[in-house]
Amino acid sequence: MRSHEPAEEIAARAAALRPFLGQGAERRARLARLLRAERRAALTGIGYDAARHAALRRLENERRADERRADERRADVKKAAAAPATACSIKT
């Protein structure tokens, strides 16, 4: 018998882990280290926690999505800066 639904437990674990991961490169490194540890635990069967693994994967997917959005914003800014200036006249 489960006391919580799996999706709720995963969301709660992700929320609990999020403040401890840091930002930028630090976040990427910590997530990679934690995911390696979970995969190792899954292979050996010692200390494996499926909900924790799922929460870490969710956080990794969020990190990748954030990076994609940041890359798209940078590309948009670069594209706008490279576009020729257009002259417009206002008729009064």
PDB file of N, CA and C in Angstrom:
ATOM      1  N   MET A   1       0.838  -1.176   0.000  1.00  0.00           N
ATOM      2  CA  MET A   1       0.000   0.000   0.000  1.00  0.00           C
ATOM      3  C   MET A   1       0.885   1.241   0.000  1.00  0.00           C
ATOM      4  N   ARG A   2       0.560   2.181  -0.863  1.00  0.00           N
ATOM      5  CA  ARG A   2       1.331   3.416  -0.951  1.00  0.00           C
ATOM      6  C   ARG A   2       0.645   4.509  -0.155  1.00  0.00           C
ATOM      7  N   SER A   3       1.449   5.325   0.492  1.00  0.00           N
ATOM      8  CA  SER A   3       0.877   6.459   1.213  1.00  0.00           C
ATOM      9  C   SER A   3       0.806   7.684   0.316  1.00  0.00           C
ATOM     10  N   HIS A   4       1.613   7.706  -0.768  1.00  0.00           N
ATOM     11  CA  HIS A   4       1.622   8.821  -1.711  1.00  0.00           C
ATOM     12  C   HIS A   4       1.625   8.275  -3.124  1.00  0.00           C
ATOM     13  N   GLU A   5       1.126   9.073  -4.038  1.00  0.00           N
ATOM     14  CA  GLU A   5       1.218   8.710  -5.442  1.00  0.00           C
ATOM     15  C   GLU A   5       2.654   8.924  -5.898  1.00  0.00           C
ATOM     16  N   PRO A   6       3.140   8.114  -6.813  1.00  0.00           N
ATOM     17  CA  PRO A   6       4.532   8.247  -7.260  1.00  0.00           C
ATOM     18  C   PRO A   6       4.851   9.638  -7.810  1.00  0.00           C
ATOM     19  N   ALA A   7       3.954  10.218  -8.599  1.00  0.00           N
ATOM     20  CA  ALA A   7       4.209  11.545  -9.175  1.00  0.00           C
ATOM     21  C   ALA A   7       4.348  12.601  -8.087  1.00  0.00           C
ATOM     22  N   GLU A   8       3.521  12.485  -7.051  1.00  0.00           N
ATOM     23  CA  GLU A   8       3.600  13.438  -5.943  1.00  0.00           C
ATOM     24  C   GLU A   8       4.913  13.271  -5.174  1.00  0.00           C
ATOM     25  N   GLU A   9       5.323  12.038  -4.966  1.00  0.00           N
ATOM     26  CA  GLU A   9       6.565  11.782  -4.237  1.00  0.00           C
ATOM     27  C   GLU A   9       7.774  12.292  -5.026  1.00  0.00           C
ATOM     28  N   ILE A  10       7.766  12.070  -6.331  1.00  0.00           N
ATOM     29  CA  ILE A  10       8.867  12.532  -7.178  1.00  0.00           C
ATOM     30  C   ILE A  10       8.932  14.056  -7.169  1.00  0.00           C
ATOM     31  N   ALA A  11       7.780  14.712  -7.294  1.00  0.00           N
ATOM     32  CA  ALA A  11       7.737  16.177  -7.273  1.00  0.00           C
ATOM     33  C   ALA A  11       8.231  16.714  -5.933  1.00  0.00           C
ATOM     34  N   ALA A  12       7.854  16.063  -4.855  1.00  0.00           N
ATOM     35  CA  ALA A  12       8.289  16.506  -3.528  1.00  0.00           C
ATOM     36  C   ALA A  12       9.799  16.328  -3.361  1.00  0.00           C
ATOM     37  N   ARG A  13      10.323  15.226  -3.852  1.00  0.00           N
ATOM     38  CA  ARG A  13      11.774  14.995  -3.749  1.00  0.00           C
ATOM     39  C   ARG A  13      12.544  15.993  -4.603  1.00  0.00           C
ATOM     40  N   ALA A  14      12.037  16.271  -5.798  1.00  0.00           N
ATOM     41  CA  ALA A  14      12.699  17.250  -6.670  1.00  0.00           C
ATOM     42  C   ALA A  14      12.699  18.624  -6.009  1.00  0.00           C
ATOM     43  N   ALA A  15      11.578  18.995  -5.421  1.00  0.00           N
ATOM     44  CA  ALA A  15      11.488  20.290  -4.737  1.00  0.00           C
ATOM     45  C   ALA A  15      12.448  20.347  -3.546  1.00  0.00           C
ATOM     46  N   ALA A  16      12.604  19.237  -2.850  1.00  0.00           N
ATOM     47  CA  ALA A  16      13.497  19.206  -1.695  1.00  0.00           C
ATOM     48  C   ALA A  16      14.966  19.272  -2.116  1.00  0.00           C
ATOM     49  N   LEU A  17      15.311  18.693  -3.259  1.00  0.00           N
ATOM     50  CA  LEU A  17      16.696  18.688  -3.725  1.00  0.00           C
ATOM     51  C   LEU A  17      17.108  20.003  -4.397  1.00  0.00           C
ATOM     52  N   ARG A  18      16.159  20.670  -5.037  1.00  0.00           N
ATOM     53  CA  ARG A  18      16.435  21.854  -5.852  1.00  0.00           C
ATOM     54  C   ARG A  18      17.290  22.913  -5.153  1.00  0.00           C
ATOM     55  N   PRO A  19      17.010  23.305  -3.899  1.00  0.00           N
ATOM     56  CA  PRO A  19      17.806  24.372  -3.279  1.00  0.00           C
ATOM     57  C   PRO A  19      19.268  24.002  -3.018  1.00  0.00           C
ATOM     58  N   PHE A  20      19.582  22.726  -2.988  1.00  0.00           N
ATOM     59  CA  PHE A  20      20.926  22.284  -2.655  1.00  0.00           C
ATOM     60  C   PHE A  20      21.818  22.062  -3.872  1.00  0.00           C
ATOM     61  N   LEU A  21      21.295  22.295  -5.063  1.00  0.00           N
ATOM     62  CA  LEU A  21      22.060  21.999  -6.271  1.00  0.00           C
ATOM     63  C   LEU A  21      22.896  23.162  -6.773  1.00  0.00           C
ATOM     64  N   GLY A  22      22.569  24.374  -6.391  1.00  0.00           N
ATOM     65  CA  GLY A  22      23.314  25.534  -6.862  1.00  0.00           C
ATOM     66  C   GLY A  22      22.827  25.984  -8.229  1.00  0.00           C
ATOM     67  N   GLN A  23      23.679  26.760  -8.903  1.00  0.00           N
ATOM     68  CA  GLN A  23      23.331  27.314 -10.210  1.00  0.00           C
ATOM     69  C   GLN A  23      24.449  27.057 -11.204  1.00  0.00           C
ATOM     70  N   GLY A  24      24.119  27.116 -12.472  1.00  0.00           N
ATOM     71  CA  GLY A  24      25.110  27.045 -13.539  1.00  0.00           C
ATOM     72  C   GLY A  24      25.921  25.771 -13.551  1.00  0.00           C
ATOM     73  N   ALA A  25      27.238  25.942 -13.671  1.00  0.00           N
ATOM     74  CA  ALA A  25      28.144  24.798 -13.775  1.00  0.00           C
ATOM     75  C   ALA A  25      28.124  23.956 -12.502  1.00  0.00           C
ATOM     76  N   GLU A  26      27.954  24.621 -11.370  1.00  0.00           N
ATOM     77  CA  GLU A  26      27.886  23.892 -10.090  1.00  0.00           C
ATOM     78  C   GLU A  26      26.691  22.944 -10.086  1.00  0.00           C
ATOM     79  N   ARG A  27      25.549  23.420 -10.574  1.00  0.00           N
ATOM     80  CA  ARG A  27      24.335  22.597 -10.634  1.00  0.00           C
ATOM     81  C   ARG A  27      24.544  21.410 -11.564  1.00  0.00           C
ATOM     82  N   ARG A  28      25.132  21.683 -12.724  1.00  0.00           N
ATOM     83  CA  ARG A  28      25.369  20.621 -13.706  1.00  0.00           C
ATOM     84  C   ARG A  28      26.275  19.539 -13.118  1.00  0.00           C
ATOM     85  N   ALA A  29      27.336  19.950 -12.436  1.00  0.00           N
ATOM     86  CA  ALA A  29      28.280  18.993 -11.853  1.00  0.00           C
ATOM     87  C   ALA A  29      27.642  18.182 -10.731  1.00  0.00           C
ATOM     88  N   ARG A  30      26.898  18.834  -9.871  1.00  0.00           N
ATOM     89  CA  ARG A  30      26.261  18.107  -8.756  1.00  0.00           C
ATOM     90  C   ARG A  30      25.227  17.114  -9.259  1.00  0.00           C
ATOM     91  N   LEU A  31      24.413  17.540 -10.234  1.00  0.00           N
ATOM     92  CA  LEU A  31      23.419  16.621 -10.786  1.00  0.00           C
ATOM     93  C   LEU A  31      24.092  15.420 -11.441  1.00  0.00           C
ATOM     94  N   ALA A  32      25.150  15.657 -12.179  1.00  0.00           N
ATOM     95  CA  ALA A  32      25.860  14.550 -12.831  1.00  0.00           C
ATOM     96  C   ALA A  32      26.398  13.576 -11.793  1.00  0.00           C
ATOM     97  N   ARG A  33      26.980  14.107 -10.724  1.00  0.00           N
ATOM     98  CA  ARG A  33      27.543  13.250  -9.670  1.00  0.00           C
ATOM     99  C   ARG A  33      26.446  12.444  -8.990  1.00  0.00           C
ATOM    100  N   LEU A  34      25.340  13.095  -8.656  1.00  0.00           N
ATOM    101  CA  LEU A  34      24.244  12.398  -7.981  1.00  0.00           C
ATOM    102  C   LEU A  34      23.606  11.343  -8.881  1.00  0.00           C
ATOM    103  N   LEU A  35      23.465  11.649 -10.165  1.00  0.00           N
ATOM    104  CA  LEU A  35      22.895  10.670 -11.094  1.00  0.00           C
ATOM    105  C   LEU A  35      23.821   9.468 -11.275  1.00  0.00           C
ATOM    106  N   ARG A  36      25.134   9.707 -11.336  1.00  0.00           N
ATOM    107  CA  ARG A  36      26.080   8.587 -11.418  1.00  0.00           C
ATOM    108  C   ARG A  36      25.951   7.677 -10.200  1.00  0.00           C
ATOM    109  N   ALA A  37      25.828   8.286  -9.039  1.00  0.00           N
ATOM    110  CA  ALA A  37      25.689   7.501  -7.800  1.00  0.00           C
ATOM    111  C   ALA A  37      24.402   6.682  -7.819  1.00  0.00           C
ATOM    112  N   GLU A  38      23.311   7.262  -8.300  1.00  0.00           N
ATOM    113  CA  GLU A  38      22.039   6.516  -8.359  1.00  0.00           C
ATOM    114  C   GLU A  38      22.120   5.381  -9.362  1.00  0.00           C
ATOM    115  N   ARG A  39      22.745   5.638 -10.524  1.00  0.00           N
ATOM    116  CA  ARG A  39      22.879   4.563 -11.515  1.00  0.00           C
ATOM    117  C   ARG A  39      23.751   3.434 -10.971  1.00  0.00           C
ATOM    118  N   ARG A  40      24.807   3.781 -10.264  1.00  0.00           N
ATOM    119  CA  ARG A  40      25.673   2.771  -9.648  1.00  0.00           C
ATOM    120  C   ARG A  40      24.880   1.956  -8.625  1.00  0.00           C
ATOM    121  N   ALA A  41      24.074   2.653  -7.828  1.00  0.00           N
ATOM    122  CA  ALA A  41      23.252   1.957  -6.826  1.00  0.00           C
ATOM    123  C   ALA A  41      22.223   1.058  -7.511  1.00  0.00           C
ATOM    124  N   ALA A  42      21.694   1.500  -8.637  1.00  0.00           N
ATOM    125  CA  ALA A  42      20.719   0.680  -9.363  1.00  0.00           C
ATOM    126  C   ALA A  42      21.359  -0.603  -9.881  1.00  0.00           C
ATOM    127  N   LEU A  43      22.597  -0.511 -10.329  1.00  0.00           N
ATOM    128  CA  LEU A  43      23.289  -1.695 -10.838  1.00  0.00           C
ATOM    129  C   LEU A  43      23.611  -2.693  -9.736  1.00  0.00           C
ATOM    130  N   THR A  44      23.981  -2.183  -8.579  1.00  0.00           N
ATOM    131  CA  THR A  44      24.345  -3.082  -7.479  1.00  0.00           C
ATOM    132  C   THR A  44      23.141  -3.485  -6.641  1.00  0.00           C
ATOM    133  N   GLY A  45      22.103  -2.648  -6.655  1.00  0.00           N
ATOM    134  CA  GLY A  45      20.926  -2.927  -5.854  1.00  0.00           C
ATOM    135  C   GLY A  45      21.070  -2.499  -4.405  1.00  0.00           C
ATOM    136  N   ILE A  46      22.187  -1.871  -4.085  1.00  0.00           N
ATOM    137  CA  ILE A  46      22.435  -1.442  -2.705  1.00  0.00           C
ATOM    138  C   ILE A  46      22.179   0.060  -2.592  1.00  0.00           C
ATOM    139  N   GLY A  47      21.204   0.416  -1.782  1.00  0.00           N
ATOM    140  CA  GLY A  47      20.913   1.824  -1.539  1.00  0.00           C
ATOM    141  C   GLY A  47      20.160   2.517  -2.659  1.00  0.00           C
ATOM    142  N   TYR A  48      19.573   1.765  -3.573  1.00  0.00           N
ATOM    143  CA  TYR A  48      18.867   2.380  -4.694  1.00  0.00           C
ATOM    144  C   TYR A  48      17.504   2.893  -4.256  1.00  0.00           C
ATOM    145  N   ASP A  49      17.176   4.099  -4.694  1.00  0.00           N
ATOM    146  CA  ASP A  49      15.893   4.711  -4.394  1.00  0.00           C
ATOM    147  C   ASP A  49      15.311   5.205  -5.719  1.00  0.00           C
ATOM    148  N   ALA A  50      14.303   4.506  -6.214  1.00  0.00           N
ATOM    149  CA  ALA A  50      13.725   4.816  -7.516  1.00  0.00           C
ATOM    150  C   ALA A  50      13.126   6.227  -7.553  1.00  0.00           C
ATOM    151  N   ALA A  51      12.493   6.662  -6.467  1.00  0.00           N
ATOM    152  CA  ALA A  51      11.896   7.997  -6.436  1.00  0.00           C
ATOM    153  C   ALA A  51      12.974   9.074  -6.499  1.00  0.00           C
ATOM    154  N   ARG A  52      14.076   8.858  -5.810  1.00  0.00           N
ATOM    155  CA  ARG A  52      15.193   9.813  -5.852  1.00  0.00           C
ATOM    156  C   ARG A  52      15.786   9.872  -7.253  1.00  0.00           C
ATOM    157  N   HIS A  53      15.954   8.719  -7.878  1.00  0.00           N
ATOM    158  CA  HIS A  53      16.488   8.671  -9.232  1.00  0.00           C
ATOM    159  C   HIS A  53      15.569   9.434 -10.190  1.00  0.00           C
ATOM    160  N   ALA A  54      14.272   9.206 -10.074  1.00  0.00           N
ATOM    161  CA  ALA A  54      13.312   9.906 -10.934  1.00  0.00           C
ATOM    162  C   ALA A  54      13.334  11.415 -10.677  1.00  0.00           C
ATOM    163  N   ALA A  55      13.464  11.812  -9.429  1.00  0.00           N
ATOM    164  CA  ALA A  55      13.532  13.239  -9.094  1.00  0.00           C
ATOM    165  C   ALA A  55      14.787  13.869  -9.676  1.00  0.00           C
ATOM    166  N   LEU A  56      15.909  13.169  -9.603  1.00  0.00           N
ATOM    167  CA  LEU A  56      17.150  13.684 -10.181  1.00  0.00           C
ATOM    168  C   LEU A  56      17.049  13.794 -11.697  1.00  0.00           C
ATOM    169  N   ARG A  57      16.412  12.819 -12.336  1.00  0.00           N
ATOM    170  CA  ARG A  57      16.212  12.890 -13.790  1.00  0.00           C
ATOM    171  C   ARG A  57      15.318  14.072 -14.141  1.00  0.00           C
ATOM    172  N   ARG A  58      14.294  14.307 -13.346  1.00  0.00           N
ATOM    173  CA  ARG A  58      13.405  15.450 -13.596  1.00  0.00           C
ATOM    174  C   ARG A  58      14.185  16.760 -13.487  1.00  0.00           C
ATOM    175  N   LEU A  59      15.033  16.876 -12.474  1.00  0.00           N
ATOM    176  CA  LEU A  59      15.840  18.077 -12.305  1.00  0.00           C
ATOM    177  C   LEU A  59      16.835  18.242 -13.450  1.00  0.00           C
ATOM    178  N   GLU A  60      17.407  17.146 -13.924  1.00  0.00           N
ATOM    179  CA  GLU A  60      18.330  17.205 -15.069  1.00  0.00           C
ATOM    180  C   GLU A  60      17.591  17.668 -16.324  1.00  0.00           C
ATOM    181  N   ASN A  61      16.388  17.175 -16.531  1.00  0.00           N
ATOM    182  CA  ASN A  61      15.591  17.609 -17.683  1.00  0.00           C
ATOM    183  C   ASN A  61      15.240  19.094 -17.586  1.00  0.00           C
ATOM    184  N   GLU A  62      14.926  19.566 -16.385  1.00  0.00           N
ATOM    185  CA  GLU A  62      14.658  20.999 -16.189  1.00  0.00           C
ATOM    186  C   GLU A  62      15.901  21.820 -16.510  1.00  0.00           C
ATOM    187  N   ARG A  63      17.076  21.348 -16.059  1.00  0.00           N
ATOM    188  CA  ARG A  63      18.320  22.062 -16.315  1.00  0.00           C
ATOM    189  C   ARG A  63      18.590  22.159 -17.806  1.00  0.00           C
ATOM    190  N   ARG A  64      18.394  21.070 -18.516  1.00  0.00           N
ATOM    191  CA  ARG A  64      18.611  21.075 -19.964  1.00  0.00           C
ATOM    192  C   ARG A  64      17.638  22.005 -20.665  1.00  0.00           C
ATOM    193  N   ALA A  65      16.381  22.011 -20.240  1.00  0.00           N
ATOM    194  CA  ALA A  65      15.391  22.908 -20.836  1.00  0.00           C
ATOM    195  C   ALA A  65      15.763  24.367 -20.575  1.00  0.00           C
ATOM    196  N   ASP A  66      16.231  24.672 -19.369  1.00  0.00           N
ATOM    197  CA  ASP A  66      16.672  26.035 -19.044  1.00  0.00           C
ATOM    198  C   ASP A  66      17.829  26.452 -19.945  1.00  0.00           C
ATOM    199  N   GLU A  67      18.778  25.554 -20.155  1.00  0.00           N
ATOM    200  CA  GLU A  67      19.919  25.861 -21.021  1.00  0.00           C
ATOM    201  C   GLU A  67      19.476  26.081 -22.459  1.00  0.00           C
ATOM    202  N   ARG A  68      18.526  25.261 -22.942  1.00  0.00           N
ATOM    203  CA  ARG A  68      18.017  25.448 -24.306  1.00  0.00           C
ATOM    204  C   ARG A  68      17.353  26.806 -24.462  1.00  0.00           C
ATOM    205  N   ARG A  69      16.536  27.193 -23.470  1.00  0.00           N
ATOM    206  CA  ARG A  69      15.862  28.495 -23.533  1.00  0.00           C
ATOM    207  C   ARG A  69      16.880  29.632 -23.511  1.00  0.00           C
ATOM    208  N   ALA A  70      17.908  29.505 -22.684  1.00  0.00           N
ATOM    209  CA  ALA A  70      18.945  30.535 -22.623  1.00  0.00           C
ATOM    210  C   ALA A  70      19.685  30.622 -23.952  1.00  0.00           C
ATOM    211  N   ASP A  71      19.982  29.489 -24.570  1.00  0.00           N
ATOM    212  CA  ASP A  71      20.644  29.484 -25.876  1.00  0.00           C
ATOM    213  C   ASP A  71      19.771  30.148 -26.938  1.00  0.00           C
ATOM    214  N   GLU A  72      18.469  29.861 -26.893  1.00  0.00           N
ATOM    215  CA  GLU A  72      17.548  30.475 -27.851  1.00  0.00           C
ATOM    216  C   GLU A  72      17.480  31.981 -27.657  1.00  0.00           C
ATOM    217  N   ARG A  73      17.459  32.440 -26.400  1.00  0.00           N
ATOM    218  CA  ARG A  73      17.435  33.886 -26.137  1.00  0.00           C
ATOM    219  C   ARG A  73      18.709  34.548 -26.643  1.00  0.00           C
ATOM    220  N   ARG A  74      19.855  33.900 -26.401  1.00  0.00           N
ATOM    221  CA  ARG A  74      21.125  34.453 -26.905  1.00  0.00           C
ATOM    222  C   ARG A  74      21.125  34.522 -28.429  1.00  0.00           C
ATOM    223  N   ALA A  75      20.598  33.485 -29.070  1.00  0.00           N
ATOM    224  CA  ALA A  75      20.542  33.475 -30.530  1.00  0.00           C
ATOM    225  C   ALA A  75      19.617  34.579 -31.042  1.00  0.00           C
ATOM    226  N   ASP A  76      18.499  34.808 -30.359  1.00  0.00           N
ATOM    227  CA  ASP A  76      17.571  35.865 -30.762  1.00  0.00           C
ATOM    228  C   ASP A  76      18.216  37.236 -30.629  1.00  0.00           C
ATOM    229  N   VAL A  77      18.954  37.443 -29.546  1.00  0.00           N
ATOM    230  CA  VAL A  77      19.629  38.727 -29.331  1.00  0.00           C
ATOM    231  C   VAL A  77      20.694  38.930 -30.396  1.00  0.00           C
ATOM    232  N   LYS A  78      21.447  37.883 -30.682  1.00  0.00           N
ATOM    233  CA  LYS A  78      22.495  37.964 -31.696  1.00  0.00           C
ATOM    234  C   LYS A  78      21.889  38.253 -33.068  1.00  0.00           C
ATOM    235  N   LYS A  79      20.774  37.606 -33.358  1.00  0.00           N
ATOM    236  CA  LYS A  79      20.093  37.794 -34.638  1.00  0.00           C
ATOM    237  C   LYS A  79      19.573  39.222 -34.751  1.00  0.00           C
ATOM    238  N   ALA A  80      19.005  39.739 -33.677  1.00  0.00           N
ATOM    239  CA  ALA A  80      18.482  41.108 -33.689  1.00  0.00           C
ATOM    240  C   ALA A  80      19.611  42.122 -33.832  1.00  0.00           C
ATOM    241  N   ALA A  81      20.750  41.858 -33.220  1.00  0.00           N
ATOM    242  CA  ALA A  81      21.882  42.780 -33.315  1.00  0.00           C
ATOM    243  C   ALA A  81      22.476  42.776 -34.719  1.00  0.00           C
ATOM    244  N   ALA A  82      22.407  41.643 -35.406  1.00  0.00           N
ATOM    245  CA  ALA A  82      22.985  41.530 -36.733  1.00  0.00           C
ATOM    246  C   ALA A  82      22.049  42.048 -37.824  1.00  0.00           C
ATOM    247  N   ALA A  83      20.773  42.204 -37.510  1.00  0.00           N
ATOM    248  CA  ALA A  83      19.804  42.663 -38.499  1.00  0.00           C
ATOM    249  C   ALA A  83      20.085  44.114 -38.846  1.00  0.00           C
ATOM    250  N   PRO A  84      19.904  44.462 -40.121  1.00  0.00           N
ATOM    251  CA  PRO A  84      20.145  45.860 -40.496  1.00  0.00           C
ATOM    252  C   PRO A  84      19.102  46.772 -39.856  1.00  0.00           C
ATOM    253  N   ALA A  85      19.571  47.958 -39.514  1.00  0.00           N
ATOM    254  CA  ALA A  85      18.651  48.922 -38.917  1.00  0.00           C
ATOM    255  C   ALA A  85      17.690  49.396 -39.990  1.00  0.00           C
ATOM    256  N   THR A  86      16.450  49.520 -39.637  1.00  0.00           N
ATOM    257  CA  THR A  86      15.469  50.002 -40.593  1.00  0.00           C
ATOM    258  C   THR A  86      15.052  51.401 -40.219  1.00  0.00           C
ATOM    259  N   ALA A  87      14.889  52.198 -41.221  1.00  0.00           N
ATOM    260  CA  ALA A  87      14.455  53.576 -40.992  1.00  0.00           C
ATOM    261  C   ALA A  87      12.940  53.604 -41.148  1.00  0.00           C
ATOM    262  N   CYS A  88      12.331  54.258 -40.267  1.00  0.00           N
ATOM    263  CA  CYS A  88      10.887  54.404 -40.368  1.00  0.00           C
ATOM    264  C   CYS A  88      10.554  55.874 -40.144  1.00  0.00           C
ATOM    265  N   SER A  89       9.596  56.304 -40.868  1.00  0.00           N
ATOM    266  CA  SER A  89       9.200  57.694 -40.732  1.00  0.00           C
ATOM    267  C   SER A  89       7.799  57.745 -40.141  1.00  0.00           C
ATOM    268  N   ILE A  90       7.610  58.727 -39.354  1.00  0.00           N
ATOM    269  CA  ILE A  90       6.289  58.915 -38.735  1.00  0.00           C
ATOM    270  C   ILE A  90       5.659  60.123 -39.388  1.00  0.00           C
ATOM    271  N   LYS A  91       4.511  59.925 -39.974  1.00  0.00           N
ATOM    272  CA  LYS A  91       3.800  61.024 -40.630  1.00  0.00           C
ATOM    273  C   LYS A  91       2.969  61.741 -39.581  1.00  0.00           C
ATOM    274  N   THR A  92       3.103  63.030 -39.598  1.00  0.00           N
ATOM    275  CA  THR A  92       2.326  63.819 -38.652  1.00  0.00           C
ATOM    276  C   THR A  92       1.311  64.673 -39.339  1.00  0.00           C
TER     277      THR A  92
END
